[in-house]
Amino acid sequence: MAANSGYLEATGLGAISTSYTGFVLQANASDGASVAIPSSGAVWSHLEIIVTAPTTASLDAYISWDTAGNDIAAGPTQASVNVVVLPLSSDRKGCIITLDNIVPRAPGDQDTVGALKLWIKADAVSGSPVLTRCRLHWYLAATRGG
C-alpha cells in the first residue's frame, strides 16, 4: 500500500454557490504532513471535501494550474458527486473524489507553483453551504509499494 507523501489544503474557506468558486490548494504551514506539491512525479490520490450548513445534495469540481481557472489540471467531475450527511453532525456533509492516481506535470506557465486551485459548485442552494475542509492527497511515484 502506498503512503501519502503529503497533501494540499484549501485556504480562504468560505461560501459555495451554484456557480464555480475558487479556493487555493496549498501546503498548510502548521502541519508537517502538508507539503507543497512538486511540478512532476506526484501521483494524485483523492480529494476530501467537507461542507457545513449544506442544503445541497451534490457538488461538481475541477482543479486548475492557474488562479483564473482556465488551465484545467484534473476534472471537471463527469457527474455531480453526492455528498452524505456525516454521522456526528446533521449540518456537515462530505465526499471523497477519487483522482485515479493520475500523474500530471505542471505546465511551465503555472502561476500557482507548489499549489493548485480547486473550483467547486453546488447543484442547488437554498441555504448557505460553506466549504469547511478540502484536501488533495498525493504521493511521490517513487514511494509506491509496500
N, C-alpha and C. Protein backbone atom coordinates (compact mmCIF):
# COMPACT_ATOMS: atom_id res chain seq x y z
N MET A 1 0.84 -1.17 0.00
CA MET A 1 0.00 0.00 0.00
C MET A 1 0.89 1.23 0.00
N ALA A 2 0.56 2.21 -0.83
CA ALA A 2 1.34 3.44 -0.91
C ALA A 2 0.96 4.38 0.21
N ALA A 3 1.96 5.03 0.76
CA ALA A 3 1.71 6.03 1.80
C ALA A 3 1.67 7.41 1.14
N ASN A 4 0.81 8.29 1.66
CA ASN A 4 0.76 9.64 1.13
C ASN A 4 2.05 10.36 1.47
N SER A 5 2.58 11.11 0.51
CA SER A 5 3.76 11.93 0.75
C SER A 5 3.37 13.27 1.33
N GLY A 6 2.15 13.70 1.07
CA GLY A 6 1.69 14.99 1.56
C GLY A 6 0.29 15.28 1.10
N TYR A 7 -0.15 16.46 1.44
CA TYR A 7 -1.45 16.90 0.96
C TYR A 7 -1.43 18.42 0.84
N LEU A 8 -2.32 18.92 0.02
CA LEU A 8 -2.55 20.35 -0.11
C LEU A 8 -3.90 20.64 0.51
N GLU A 9 -4.03 21.78 1.13
CA GLU A 9 -5.28 22.13 1.81
C GLU A 9 -5.82 23.44 1.26
N ALA A 10 -7.15 23.50 1.11
CA ALA A 10 -7.78 24.72 0.61
C ALA A 10 -7.63 25.83 1.63
N THR A 11 -7.36 27.02 1.14
CA THR A 11 -7.25 28.19 2.01
C THR A 11 -8.38 29.15 1.69
N GLY A 12 -8.64 30.08 2.60
CA GLY A 12 -9.69 31.06 2.38
C GLY A 12 -11.05 30.40 2.26
N LEU A 13 -11.29 29.38 3.09
CA LEU A 13 -12.54 28.63 3.02
C LEU A 13 -13.74 29.56 3.16
N GLY A 14 -14.81 29.22 2.48
CA GLY A 14 -15.97 30.08 2.53
C GLY A 14 -17.14 29.51 1.76
N ALA A 15 -18.08 30.38 1.48
CA ALA A 15 -19.34 30.00 0.87
C ALA A 15 -19.13 29.45 -0.54
N ILE A 16 -19.96 28.48 -0.89
CA ILE A 16 -20.02 27.98 -2.27
C ILE A 16 -21.43 28.23 -2.77
N SER A 17 -21.59 28.28 -4.07
CA SER A 17 -22.90 28.57 -4.66
C SER A 17 -23.12 27.67 -5.87
N THR A 18 -24.06 28.03 -6.70
CA THR A 18 -24.34 27.25 -7.90
C THR A 18 -23.42 27.64 -9.07
N SER A 19 -22.54 28.61 -8.84
CA SER A 19 -21.50 28.97 -9.80
C SER A 19 -20.17 28.54 -9.21
N TYR A 20 -19.20 28.24 -10.06
CA TYR A 20 -17.90 27.81 -9.57
C TYR A 20 -17.25 28.90 -8.72
N THR A 21 -16.75 28.49 -7.56
CA THR A 21 -15.99 29.35 -6.66
C THR A 21 -14.60 28.72 -6.51
N GLY A 22 -13.56 29.53 -6.54
CA GLY A 22 -12.20 29.01 -6.48
C GLY A 22 -11.56 29.12 -5.11
N PHE A 23 -10.79 28.08 -4.75
CA PHE A 23 -10.04 28.04 -3.49
C PHE A 23 -8.64 27.53 -3.79
N VAL A 24 -7.63 28.22 -3.28
CA VAL A 24 -6.25 27.79 -3.49
C VAL A 24 -5.98 26.56 -2.64
N LEU A 25 -5.36 25.54 -3.25
CA LEU A 25 -4.90 24.34 -2.55
C LEU A 25 -3.39 24.47 -2.39
N GLN A 26 -2.94 24.61 -1.15
CA GLN A 26 -1.51 24.78 -0.91
C GLN A 26 -1.10 24.09 0.37
N ALA A 27 0.19 24.02 0.61
CA ALA A 27 0.69 23.40 1.83
C ALA A 27 0.22 24.19 3.05
N ASN A 28 -0.15 23.46 4.11
CA ASN A 28 -0.55 24.06 5.38
C ASN A 28 0.71 24.16 6.24
N ALA A 29 1.19 25.37 6.45
CA ALA A 29 2.46 25.59 7.15
C ALA A 29 2.45 25.05 8.58
N SER A 30 1.27 24.91 9.19
CA SER A 30 1.22 24.44 10.58
C SER A 30 1.17 22.92 10.70
N ASP A 31 1.22 22.21 9.57
CA ASP A 31 1.16 20.74 9.59
C ASP A 31 2.30 20.19 8.73
N GLY A 32 3.24 19.52 9.37
CA GLY A 32 4.39 18.97 8.65
C GLY A 32 4.04 17.94 7.59
N ALA A 33 2.83 17.33 7.67
CA ALA A 33 2.42 16.35 6.67
C ALA A 33 1.90 17.01 5.39
N SER A 34 1.67 18.31 5.47
CA SER A 34 1.19 19.05 4.31
C SER A 34 2.40 19.64 3.61
N VAL A 35 2.64 19.19 2.38
CA VAL A 35 3.86 19.54 1.65
C VAL A 35 3.47 20.10 0.28
N ALA A 36 4.16 21.13 -0.15
CA ALA A 36 3.93 21.69 -1.48
C ALA A 36 4.10 20.60 -2.52
N ILE A 37 3.22 20.57 -3.48
CA ILE A 37 3.25 19.51 -4.49
C ILE A 37 4.34 19.81 -5.53
N PRO A 38 5.15 18.82 -5.90
CA PRO A 38 6.18 19.06 -6.92
C PRO A 38 5.54 19.21 -8.31
N SER A 39 6.28 19.79 -9.24
CA SER A 39 5.74 20.03 -10.58
C SER A 39 5.64 18.75 -11.41
N SER A 40 6.32 17.68 -10.99
CA SER A 40 6.20 16.39 -11.68
C SER A 40 6.50 15.26 -10.70
N GLY A 41 6.03 14.08 -11.02
CA GLY A 41 6.30 12.90 -10.20
C GLY A 41 5.34 12.68 -9.05
N ALA A 42 4.38 13.59 -8.86
CA ALA A 42 3.39 13.43 -7.79
C ALA A 42 2.18 12.68 -8.34
N VAL A 43 1.76 11.65 -7.63
CA VAL A 43 0.59 10.87 -8.00
C VAL A 43 -0.58 11.40 -7.18
N TRP A 44 -1.60 11.89 -7.86
CA TRP A 44 -2.75 12.47 -7.16
C TRP A 44 -3.70 11.35 -6.79
N SER A 45 -3.99 11.22 -5.51
CA SER A 45 -4.79 10.13 -4.99
C SER A 45 -6.28 10.48 -4.92
N HIS A 46 -6.63 11.41 -4.04
CA HIS A 46 -8.04 11.75 -3.86
C HIS A 46 -8.20 13.13 -3.24
N LEU A 47 -9.41 13.64 -3.35
CA LEU A 47 -9.77 14.93 -2.81
C LEU A 47 -10.83 14.69 -1.75
N GLU A 48 -10.60 15.16 -0.53
CA GLU A 48 -11.60 15.02 0.53
C GLU A 48 -12.27 16.37 0.72
N ILE A 49 -13.60 16.38 0.78
CA ILE A 49 -14.36 17.63 0.85
C ILE A 49 -15.38 17.53 1.97
N ILE A 50 -15.45 18.58 2.80
CA ILE A 50 -16.48 18.68 3.82
C ILE A 50 -17.13 20.05 3.70
N VAL A 51 -18.44 20.06 3.68
CA VAL A 51 -19.20 21.31 3.67
C VAL A 51 -20.10 21.34 4.90
N THR A 52 -20.33 22.54 5.44
CA THR A 52 -21.23 22.69 6.58
C THR A 52 -22.42 23.54 6.18
N ALA A 53 -23.47 23.40 6.97
CA ALA A 53 -24.74 24.08 6.74
C ALA A 53 -25.23 23.86 5.32
N PRO A 54 -25.04 22.66 4.78
CA PRO A 54 -25.40 22.46 3.38
C PRO A 54 -26.87 22.09 3.20
N THR A 55 -27.41 22.60 2.12
CA THR A 55 -28.71 22.14 1.67
C THR A 55 -28.54 21.41 0.34
N THR A 56 -27.32 21.39 -0.12
CA THR A 56 -27.03 20.76 -1.41
C THR A 56 -26.91 19.24 -1.26
N ALA A 57 -27.22 18.54 -2.32
CA ALA A 57 -27.10 17.08 -2.32
C ALA A 57 -25.88 16.63 -3.10
N SER A 58 -25.35 17.50 -3.97
CA SER A 58 -24.20 17.10 -4.77
C SER A 58 -23.35 18.31 -5.15
N LEU A 59 -22.11 18.00 -5.54
CA LEU A 59 -21.13 19.01 -5.90
C LEU A 59 -20.49 18.66 -7.23
N ASP A 60 -20.00 19.66 -7.92
CA ASP A 60 -19.17 19.50 -9.10
C ASP A 60 -17.85 20.21 -8.82
N ALA A 61 -16.74 19.67 -9.32
CA ALA A 61 -15.45 20.28 -9.03
C ALA A 61 -14.45 20.00 -10.15
N TYR A 62 -13.45 20.87 -10.24
CA TYR A 62 -12.27 20.61 -11.06
C TYR A 62 -11.09 21.34 -10.43
N ILE A 63 -9.88 20.98 -10.86
CA ILE A 63 -8.66 21.58 -10.34
C ILE A 63 -7.94 22.23 -11.51
N SER A 64 -7.41 23.43 -11.27
CA SER A 64 -6.66 24.13 -12.32
C SER A 64 -5.25 24.44 -11.85
N TRP A 65 -4.38 24.63 -12.85
CA TRP A 65 -3.00 25.03 -12.58
C TRP A 65 -2.92 26.52 -12.31
N ASP A 66 -3.88 27.28 -12.82
CA ASP A 66 -3.83 28.74 -12.75
C ASP A 66 -4.92 29.30 -11.84
N THR A 67 -4.73 30.52 -11.40
CA THR A 67 -5.69 31.15 -10.49
C THR A 67 -6.97 31.58 -11.19
N ALA A 68 -6.95 31.70 -12.51
CA ALA A 68 -8.16 32.10 -13.24
C ALA A 68 -9.08 30.92 -13.52
N GLY A 69 -8.55 29.68 -13.43
CA GLY A 69 -9.37 28.50 -13.68
C GLY A 69 -9.45 28.08 -15.12
N ASN A 70 -8.60 28.62 -15.97
CA ASN A 70 -8.65 28.32 -17.40
C ASN A 70 -7.75 27.18 -17.83
N ASP A 71 -6.79 26.79 -17.00
CA ASP A 71 -5.81 25.77 -17.35
C ASP A 71 -6.09 24.53 -16.49
N ILE A 72 -7.02 23.69 -16.93
CA ILE A 72 -7.51 22.56 -16.14
C ILE A 72 -6.43 21.50 -15.95
N ALA A 73 -6.27 21.06 -14.69
CA ALA A 73 -5.31 20.02 -14.34
C ALA A 73 -6.01 18.68 -14.11
N ALA A 74 -7.21 18.70 -13.57
CA ALA A 74 -7.99 17.48 -13.31
C ALA A 74 -9.46 17.84 -13.27
N GLY A 75 -10.27 16.93 -13.83
CA GLY A 75 -11.71 17.18 -13.84
C GLY A 75 -12.07 17.90 -15.12
N PRO A 76 -13.26 18.48 -15.18
CA PRO A 76 -14.25 18.51 -14.12
C PRO A 76 -14.86 17.13 -13.88
N THR A 77 -15.52 16.99 -12.73
CA THR A 77 -16.18 15.72 -12.45
C THR A 77 -17.13 15.42 -13.60
N GLN A 78 -17.18 14.17 -14.01
CA GLN A 78 -18.01 13.82 -15.15
C GLN A 78 -19.48 13.76 -14.78
N ALA A 79 -19.77 13.65 -13.51
CA ALA A 79 -21.14 13.71 -12.99
C ALA A 79 -21.06 14.36 -11.62
N SER A 80 -22.15 14.92 -11.17
CA SER A 80 -22.16 15.51 -9.84
C SER A 80 -21.85 14.44 -8.81
N VAL A 81 -21.09 14.81 -7.79
CA VAL A 81 -20.69 13.88 -6.73
C VAL A 81 -21.63 14.08 -5.55
N ASN A 82 -22.27 12.98 -5.12
CA ASN A 82 -23.19 13.07 -3.98
C ASN A 82 -22.42 13.30 -2.70
N VAL A 83 -22.95 14.18 -1.85
CA VAL A 83 -22.39 14.38 -0.53
C VAL A 83 -23.32 13.68 0.46
N VAL A 84 -22.74 13.12 1.51
CA VAL A 84 -23.53 12.39 2.51
C VAL A 84 -23.44 13.09 3.85
N VAL A 85 -24.50 12.97 4.64
CA VAL A 85 -24.51 13.54 5.98
C VAL A 85 -23.52 12.76 6.83
N LEU A 86 -22.62 13.47 7.50
CA LEU A 86 -21.64 12.82 8.36
C LEU A 86 -22.30 12.44 9.69
N PRO A 87 -21.91 11.33 10.28
CA PRO A 87 -22.67 10.73 11.37
C PRO A 87 -22.83 11.55 12.64
N LEU A 88 -21.88 12.40 12.97
CA LEU A 88 -21.96 13.09 14.26
C LEU A 88 -22.54 14.49 14.18
N SER A 89 -22.92 14.94 13.00
CA SER A 89 -23.44 16.29 12.87
C SER A 89 -24.33 16.39 11.64
N SER A 90 -25.58 16.75 11.84
CA SER A 90 -26.51 16.82 10.72
C SER A 90 -26.23 18.01 9.80
N ASP A 91 -25.40 18.96 10.25
CA ASP A 91 -25.12 20.10 9.39
C ASP A 91 -23.79 19.98 8.65
N ARG A 92 -23.19 18.79 8.66
CA ARG A 92 -21.94 18.54 7.92
C ARG A 92 -22.16 17.42 6.91
N LYS A 93 -21.73 17.68 5.69
CA LYS A 93 -21.77 16.66 4.66
C LYS A 93 -20.38 16.54 4.06
N GLY A 94 -20.09 15.36 3.51
CA GLY A 94 -18.78 15.18 2.93
C GLY A 94 -18.77 14.20 1.77
N CYS A 95 -17.65 14.18 1.07
CA CYS A 95 -17.46 13.24 -0.03
C CYS A 95 -15.97 13.10 -0.30
N ILE A 96 -15.63 12.06 -1.00
CA ILE A 96 -14.28 11.84 -1.50
C ILE A 96 -14.37 11.74 -3.01
N ILE A 97 -13.52 12.47 -3.68
CA ILE A 97 -13.44 12.39 -5.14
C ILE A 97 -12.13 11.69 -5.47
N THR A 98 -12.21 10.49 -6.03
CA THR A 98 -11.03 9.72 -6.40
C THR A 98 -10.44 10.29 -7.68
N LEU A 99 -9.14 10.47 -7.69
CA LEU A 99 -8.47 11.04 -8.85
C LEU A 99 -7.75 9.99 -9.68
N ASP A 100 -8.00 8.72 -9.41
CA ASP A 100 -7.49 7.61 -10.23
C ASP A 100 -5.98 7.60 -10.38
N ASN A 101 -5.28 8.09 -9.36
CA ASN A 101 -3.82 8.04 -9.36
C ASN A 101 -3.19 8.62 -10.61
N ILE A 102 -3.67 9.81 -11.00
CA ILE A 102 -3.09 10.48 -12.16
C ILE A 102 -1.74 11.08 -11.79
N VAL A 103 -0.87 11.24 -12.79
CA VAL A 103 0.47 11.80 -12.57
C VAL A 103 0.65 12.96 -13.55
N PRO A 104 0.01 14.09 -13.26
CA PRO A 104 0.13 15.22 -14.19
C PRO A 104 1.46 15.94 -14.03
N ARG A 105 1.82 16.68 -15.03
CA ARG A 105 3.04 17.50 -14.99
C ARG A 105 2.62 18.96 -15.16
N ALA A 106 3.05 19.79 -14.23
CA ALA A 106 2.68 21.21 -14.27
C ALA A 106 3.22 21.88 -15.53
N PRO A 107 2.42 22.73 -16.16
CA PRO A 107 2.92 23.48 -17.31
C PRO A 107 3.91 24.55 -16.86
N GLY A 108 4.77 24.97 -17.76
CA GLY A 108 5.79 25.96 -17.43
C GLY A 108 5.23 27.30 -16.99
N ASP A 109 4.02 27.62 -17.43
CA ASP A 109 3.43 28.92 -17.08
C ASP A 109 2.49 28.85 -15.89
N GLN A 110 2.58 27.79 -15.09
CA GLN A 110 1.73 27.65 -13.90
C GLN A 110 1.95 28.86 -13.00
N ASP A 111 0.85 29.52 -12.59
CA ASP A 111 1.01 30.70 -11.74
C ASP A 111 0.77 30.41 -10.26
N THR A 112 0.64 29.14 -9.91
CA THR A 112 0.47 28.75 -8.51
C THR A 112 1.51 27.68 -8.18
N VAL A 113 2.78 27.96 -8.39
CA VAL A 113 3.84 26.98 -8.21
C VAL A 113 3.79 26.38 -6.80
N GLY A 114 3.77 25.03 -6.74
CA GLY A 114 3.67 24.33 -5.46
C GLY A 114 2.25 24.26 -4.93
N ALA A 115 1.31 24.84 -5.66
CA ALA A 115 -0.09 24.86 -5.25
C ALA A 115 -0.97 24.64 -6.47
N LEU A 116 -2.25 24.51 -6.24
CA LEU A 116 -3.24 24.34 -7.30
C LEU A 116 -4.47 25.17 -6.93
N LYS A 117 -5.48 25.16 -7.77
CA LYS A 117 -6.72 25.85 -7.41
C LYS A 117 -7.89 24.91 -7.64
N LEU A 118 -8.71 24.77 -6.61
CA LEU A 118 -9.93 23.97 -6.68
C LEU A 118 -11.08 24.88 -7.06
N TRP A 119 -11.90 24.42 -8.00
CA TRP A 119 -13.12 25.13 -8.39
C TRP A 119 -14.28 24.21 -8.04
N ILE A 120 -15.25 24.71 -7.30
CA ILE A 120 -16.32 23.86 -6.79
C ILE A 120 -17.64 24.62 -6.84
N LYS A 121 -18.72 23.88 -7.13
CA LYS A 121 -20.06 24.47 -7.11
C LYS A 121 -21.05 23.43 -6.62
N ALA A 122 -22.15 23.91 -6.08
CA ALA A 122 -23.22 23.06 -5.58
C ALA A 122 -24.30 22.92 -6.66
N ASP A 123 -25.03 21.81 -6.60
CA ASP A 123 -26.09 21.59 -7.59
C ASP A 123 -27.25 22.56 -7.38
N ALA A 124 -27.60 22.82 -6.14
CA ALA A 124 -28.68 23.73 -5.81
C ALA A 124 -28.40 24.25 -4.40
N VAL A 125 -28.77 25.49 -4.17
CA VAL A 125 -28.51 26.09 -2.87
C VAL A 125 -29.75 26.84 -2.41
N SER A 126 -30.30 26.42 -1.26
CA SER A 126 -31.39 27.20 -0.67
C SER A 126 -30.97 27.72 0.70
N GLY A 127 -29.76 27.36 1.11
CA GLY A 127 -29.18 27.84 2.35
C GLY A 127 -27.84 28.46 2.05
N SER A 128 -26.89 28.26 2.91
CA SER A 128 -25.55 28.84 2.72
C SER A 128 -24.47 27.81 2.97
N PRO A 129 -24.25 26.86 2.05
CA PRO A 129 -23.20 25.87 2.26
C PRO A 129 -21.82 26.53 2.27
N VAL A 130 -20.96 26.05 3.15
CA VAL A 130 -19.62 26.60 3.31
C VAL A 130 -18.62 25.47 3.17
N LEU A 131 -17.60 25.66 2.33
CA LEU A 131 -16.51 24.70 2.23
C LEU A 131 -15.72 24.80 3.52
N THR A 132 -15.73 23.71 4.31
CA THR A 132 -15.08 23.69 5.62
C THR A 132 -13.72 23.03 5.56
N ARG A 133 -13.58 22.02 4.73
CA ARG A 133 -12.28 21.35 4.55
C ARG A 133 -12.21 20.82 3.13
N CYS A 134 -11.04 20.96 2.55
CA CYS A 134 -10.78 20.35 1.26
C CYS A 134 -9.30 20.07 1.21
N ARG A 135 -8.94 18.79 1.03
CA ARG A 135 -7.54 18.40 0.97
C ARG A 135 -7.32 17.47 -0.22
N LEU A 136 -6.29 17.78 -1.00
CA LEU A 136 -5.86 16.94 -2.11
C LEU A 136 -4.69 16.10 -1.61
N HIS A 137 -4.86 14.78 -1.55
CA HIS A 137 -3.81 13.87 -1.09
C HIS A 137 -3.00 13.38 -2.28
N TRP A 138 -1.68 13.29 -2.10
CA TRP A 138 -0.78 12.86 -3.17
C TRP A 138 0.41 12.13 -2.57
N TYR A 139 1.10 11.42 -3.43
CA TYR A 139 2.34 10.74 -3.02
C TYR A 139 3.30 10.76 -4.20
N LEU A 140 4.57 10.58 -3.91
CA LEU A 140 5.56 10.54 -4.97
C LEU A 140 5.56 9.17 -5.62
N ALA A 141 5.65 9.13 -6.93
CA ALA A 141 5.62 7.86 -7.66
C ALA A 141 6.70 6.93 -7.15
N ALA A 142 7.83 7.45 -6.72
CA ALA A 142 8.94 6.63 -6.24
C ALA A 142 8.63 5.93 -4.92
N THR A 143 7.62 6.41 -4.18
CA THR A 143 7.29 5.80 -2.88
C THR A 143 6.22 4.72 -3.00
N ARG A 144 5.75 4.48 -4.21
CA ARG A 144 4.69 3.48 -4.39
C ARG A 144 5.21 2.10 -4.05
N GLY A 145 4.39 1.35 -3.37
CA GLY A 145 4.78 -0.01 -2.99
C GLY A 145 4.44 -0.28 -1.55
N GLY A 146 4.89 -1.35 -0.98
CA GLY A 146 4.50 -1.75 0.35
C GLY A 146 5.43 -1.45 1.37
